Amino acid sequence: MGGGIVAYELVMKCRDKNHQLFGNTGERLKKLRLIEEDGSIHGSIRNIVLSSAEGEGLEMTFKSPVA
């Protein structure tokens, strides 16, 4: 499973804590330490992801969160 879907799923989970992660993206995000073992996302990670992601679906892009 490519990095694009993992990034997309991370954004969706940050936007909606009840979002069900697709396939093995949860395990990949845990290995990257972007989500906790219980599937939650630390507030600091959530803030960075939400500040970086723009757009929806295939049109989603990322920018610097400090720009």
C-alpha atoms as a PDB file:
ATOM      1  CA  MET A   1       0.000   0.000   0.000  1.00  0.00           C
ATOM      2  CA  GLY A   2       1.496   3.288  -1.106  1.00  0.00           C
ATOM      3  CA  GLY A   3       2.399   6.280   0.979  1.00  0.00           C
ATOM      4  CA  GLY A   4      -0.314   8.389  -0.634  1.00  0.00           C
ATOM      5  CA  ILE A   5      -3.154   6.375   0.861  1.00  0.00           C
ATOM      6  CA  VAL A   6      -1.405   6.340   4.242  1.00  0.00           C
ATOM      7  CA  ALA A   7      -1.102  10.139   4.190  1.00  0.00           C
ATOM      8  CA  TYR A   8      -4.722  10.472   3.067  1.00  0.00           C
ATOM      9  CA  GLU A   9      -5.933   8.157   5.839  1.00  0.00           C
ATOM     10  CA  LEU A  10      -3.914  10.093   8.432  1.00  0.00           C
ATOM     11  CA  VAL A  11      -5.596  13.331   7.361  1.00  0.00           C
ATOM     12  CA  MET A  12      -9.038  11.724   7.425  1.00  0.00           C
ATOM     13  CA  LYS A  13      -8.402  10.345  10.932  1.00  0.00           C
ATOM     14  CA  CYS A  14      -7.228  13.776  12.102  1.00  0.00           C
ATOM     15  CA  ARG A  15     -10.350  15.383  10.665  1.00  0.00           C
ATOM     16  CA  ASP A  16     -12.685  12.750  12.160  1.00  0.00           C
ATOM     17  CA  LYS A  17     -11.574  10.726  15.188  1.00  0.00           C
ATOM     18  CA  ASN A  18     -14.225   8.091  14.319  1.00  0.00           C
ATOM     19  CA  HIS A  19     -12.813   7.512  10.814  1.00  0.00           C
ATOM     20  CA  GLN A  20     -12.068   3.814  10.216  1.00  0.00           C
ATOM     21  CA  LEU A  21      -8.600   3.419   8.715  1.00  0.00           C
ATOM     22  CA  PHE A  22      -8.361   1.465   5.445  1.00  0.00           C
ATOM     23  CA  GLY A  23      -6.453  -1.809   5.182  1.00  0.00           C
ATOM     24  CA  ASN A  24      -3.144  -1.871   7.024  1.00  0.00           C
ATOM     25  CA  THR A  25      -2.735   1.905   7.169  1.00  0.00           C
ATOM     26  CA  GLY A  26      -3.228   1.860  10.928  1.00  0.00           C
ATOM     27  CA  GLU A  27      -0.272  -0.475  11.397  1.00  0.00           C
ATOM     28  CA  ARG A  28       1.885   1.613   9.068  1.00  0.00           C
ATOM     29  CA  LEU A  29       0.966   4.799  10.936  1.00  0.00           C
ATOM     30  CA  LYS A  30       1.776   3.107  14.263  1.00  0.00           C
ATOM     31  CA  LYS A  31       5.206   2.085  12.953  1.00  0.00           C
ATOM     32  CA  LEU A  32       5.810   5.711  11.959  1.00  0.00           C
ATOM     33  CA  ARG A  33       4.573   6.731  15.428  1.00  0.00           C
ATOM     34  CA  LEU A  34       1.952   9.021  13.904  1.00  0.00           C
ATOM     35  CA  ILE A  35      -0.866   7.307  15.775  1.00  0.00           C
ATOM     36  CA  GLU A  36      -0.929   5.787  19.238  1.00  0.00           C
ATOM     37  CA  GLU A  37      -1.243   2.057  19.893  1.00  0.00           C
ATOM     38  CA  ASP A  38      -4.922   2.573  20.774  1.00  0.00           C
ATOM     39  CA  GLY A  39      -5.555   4.245  17.398  1.00  0.00           C
ATOM     40  CA  SER A  40      -5.805   7.783  18.756  1.00  0.00           C
ATOM     41  CA  ILE A  41      -3.754  10.681  17.452  1.00  0.00           C
ATOM     42  CA  HIS A  42      -1.771  12.911  19.777  1.00  0.00           C
ATOM     43  CA  GLY A  43      -2.964  16.509  19.717  1.00  0.00           C
ATOM     44  CA  SER A  44       0.401  17.803  18.483  1.00  0.00           C
ATOM     45  CA  ILE A  45       0.400  15.424  15.505  1.00  0.00           C
ATOM     46  CA  ARG A  46      -3.221  16.329  14.733  1.00  0.00           C
ATOM     47  CA  ASN A  47      -2.414  20.051  14.764  1.00  0.00           C
ATOM     48  CA  ILE A  48       0.524  19.650  12.367  1.00  0.00           C
ATOM     49  CA  VAL A  49      -1.405  17.400   9.974  1.00  0.00           C
ATOM     50  CA  LEU A  50      -4.456  19.676   9.921  1.00  0.00           C
ATOM     51  CA  SER A  51      -2.261  22.756   9.443  1.00  0.00           C
ATOM     52  CA  SER A  52      -0.469  21.087   6.521  1.00  0.00           C
ATOM     53  CA  ALA A  53      -3.273  19.408   4.564  1.00  0.00           C
ATOM     54  CA  GLU A  54      -5.302  21.332   2.016  1.00  0.00           C
ATOM     55  CA  GLY A  55      -8.110  20.140  -0.225  1.00  0.00           C
ATOM     56  CA  GLU A  56     -10.059  16.917  -0.521  1.00  0.00           C
ATOM     57  CA  GLY A  57      -9.549  13.477  -2.044  1.00  0.00           C
ATOM     58  CA  LEU A  58      -7.173  13.253  -4.994  1.00  0.00           C
ATOM     59  CA  GLU A  59      -6.809  17.026  -4.938  1.00  0.00           C
ATOM     60  CA  MET A  60      -5.290  16.989  -1.427  1.00  0.00           C
ATOM     61  CA  THR A  61      -1.901  18.637  -1.099  1.00  0.00           C
ATOM     62  CA  PHE A  62       0.421  19.443   1.768  1.00  0.00           C
ATOM     63  CA  LYS A  63       2.112  22.731   2.613  1.00  0.00           C
ATOM     64  CA  SER A  64       4.421  23.851   5.367  1.00  0.00           C
ATOM     65  CA  PRO A  65       2.438  24.119   8.598  1.00  0.00           C
ATOM     66  CA  VAL A  66       4.425  27.237   9.546  1.00  0.00           C
ATOM     67  CA  ALA A  67       4.108  29.152   6.264  1.00  0.00           C
END
